[in-house]
Amino acid sequence: MNIKPIKSEQEYESALSRLDVTFDALPGTPEGDEAEILALLIEDYENEYHFIEAPKP
């Protein structure tokens, strides 16, 4: 597991691909921990660079 902050669109795409592979890992396993950390990093990157405004009523 080589986890680091996501700083580019290429790293973001790589993280998404890796999350796709580890998504169904069992909690408490090394792959499960990796998936959890990747999800947090991806969420943080998306909140900063892929922000979607709430719809207006």
C-alpha atoms as a PDB file:
ATOM      1  CA  MET A   1       0.000   0.000   0.000  1.00  0.00           C
ATOM      2  CA  ASN A   2       1.502   3.293  -1.129  1.00  0.00           C
ATOM      3  CA  ILE A   3      -0.922   5.996   0.017  1.00  0.00           C
ATOM      4  CA  LYS A   4      -0.147   9.691  -0.392  1.00  0.00           C
ATOM      5  CA  PRO A   5      -2.125  12.918  -0.877  1.00  0.00           C
ATOM      6  CA  ILE A   6      -3.758  13.368  -4.280  1.00  0.00           C
ATOM      7  CA  LYS A   7      -2.209  16.390  -5.992  1.00  0.00           C
ATOM      8  CA  SER A   8      -3.080  15.977  -9.669  1.00  0.00           C
ATOM      9  CA  GLU A   9      -5.816  14.747 -11.962  1.00  0.00           C
ATOM     10  CA  GLN A  10      -3.623  11.759 -12.911  1.00  0.00           C
ATOM     11  CA  GLU A  11      -3.178  10.769  -9.265  1.00  0.00           C
ATOM     12  CA  TYR A  12      -6.928  11.221  -8.773  1.00  0.00           C
ATOM     13  CA  GLU A  13      -7.673   8.834 -11.660  1.00  0.00           C
ATOM     14  CA  SER A  14      -5.172   6.306 -10.271  1.00  0.00           C
ATOM     15  CA  ALA A  15      -6.780   6.505  -6.837  1.00  0.00           C
ATOM     16  CA  LEU A  16     -10.235   5.936  -8.357  1.00  0.00           C
ATOM     17  CA  SER A  17      -8.930   2.886 -10.232  1.00  0.00           C
ATOM     18  CA  ARG A  18      -7.335   1.456  -7.101  1.00  0.00           C
ATOM     19  CA  LEU A  19     -10.494   2.094  -5.067  1.00  0.00           C
ATOM     20  CA  ASP A  20     -12.466   0.182  -7.694  1.00  0.00           C
ATOM     21  CA  VAL A  21     -10.184  -2.818  -7.086  1.00  0.00           C
ATOM     22  CA  THR A  22     -10.320  -2.645  -3.276  1.00  0.00           C
ATOM     23  CA  PHE A  23     -13.931  -1.489  -2.876  1.00  0.00           C
ATOM     24  CA  ASP A  24     -15.332  -4.860  -1.762  1.00  0.00           C
ATOM     25  CA  ALA A  25     -12.489  -5.644   0.658  1.00  0.00           C
ATOM     26  CA  LEU A  26     -13.518  -6.724   4.124  1.00  0.00           C
ATOM     27  CA  PRO A  27     -13.255  -4.140   6.926  1.00  0.00           C
ATOM     28  CA  GLY A  28     -10.225  -4.594   9.154  1.00  0.00           C
ATOM     29  CA  THR A  29      -8.090  -6.142   6.414  1.00  0.00           C
ATOM     30  CA  PRO A  30      -5.149  -4.311   4.847  1.00  0.00           C
ATOM     31  CA  GLU A  31      -7.122  -3.868   1.600  1.00  0.00           C
ATOM     32  CA  GLY A  32     -10.167  -2.710   3.566  1.00  0.00           C
ATOM     33  CA  ASP A  33      -8.055  -0.110   5.357  1.00  0.00           C
ATOM     34  CA  GLU A  34      -6.576   0.988   2.020  1.00  0.00           C
ATOM     35  CA  ALA A  35     -10.054   1.395   0.511  1.00  0.00           C
ATOM     36  CA  GLU A  36     -11.186   3.473   3.489  1.00  0.00           C
ATOM     37  CA  ILE A  37      -8.174   5.795   3.277  1.00  0.00           C
ATOM     38  CA  LEU A  38      -8.471   6.117  -0.506  1.00  0.00           C
ATOM     39  CA  ALA A  39     -12.134   7.064  -0.174  1.00  0.00           C
ATOM     40  CA  LEU A  40     -11.213   9.846   2.263  1.00  0.00           C
ATOM     41  CA  LEU A  41      -8.442  11.159   0.008  1.00  0.00           C
ATOM     42  CA  ILE A  42     -10.692  11.046  -3.058  1.00  0.00           C
ATOM     43  CA  GLU A  43     -13.485  12.845  -1.208  1.00  0.00           C
ATOM     44  CA  ASP A  44     -11.083  15.570  -0.094  1.00  0.00           C
ATOM     45  CA  TYR A  45      -9.741  16.048  -3.633  1.00  0.00           C
ATOM     46  CA  GLU A  46     -13.245  16.147  -5.123  1.00  0.00           C
ATOM     47  CA  ASN A  47     -14.411  18.702  -2.556  1.00  0.00           C
ATOM     48  CA  GLU A  48     -11.526  20.958  -3.536  1.00  0.00           C
ATOM     49  CA  TYR A  49     -11.338  20.483  -7.322  1.00  0.00           C
ATOM     50  CA  HIS A  50     -14.670  18.954  -8.436  1.00  0.00           C
ATOM     51  CA  PHE A  51     -17.048  20.977  -6.287  1.00  0.00           C
ATOM     52  CA  ILE A  52     -20.711  20.732  -7.289  1.00  0.00           C
ATOM     53  CA  GLU A  53     -23.029  23.451  -6.057  1.00  0.00           C
ATOM     54  CA  ALA A  54     -26.331  22.485  -4.529  1.00  0.00           C
ATOM     55  CA  PRO A  55     -29.235  22.951  -6.909  1.00  0.00           C
ATOM     56  CA  LYS A  56     -31.348  26.056  -6.481  1.00  0.00           C
ATOM     57  CA  PRO A  57     -35.034  25.494  -5.809  1.00  0.00           C
END
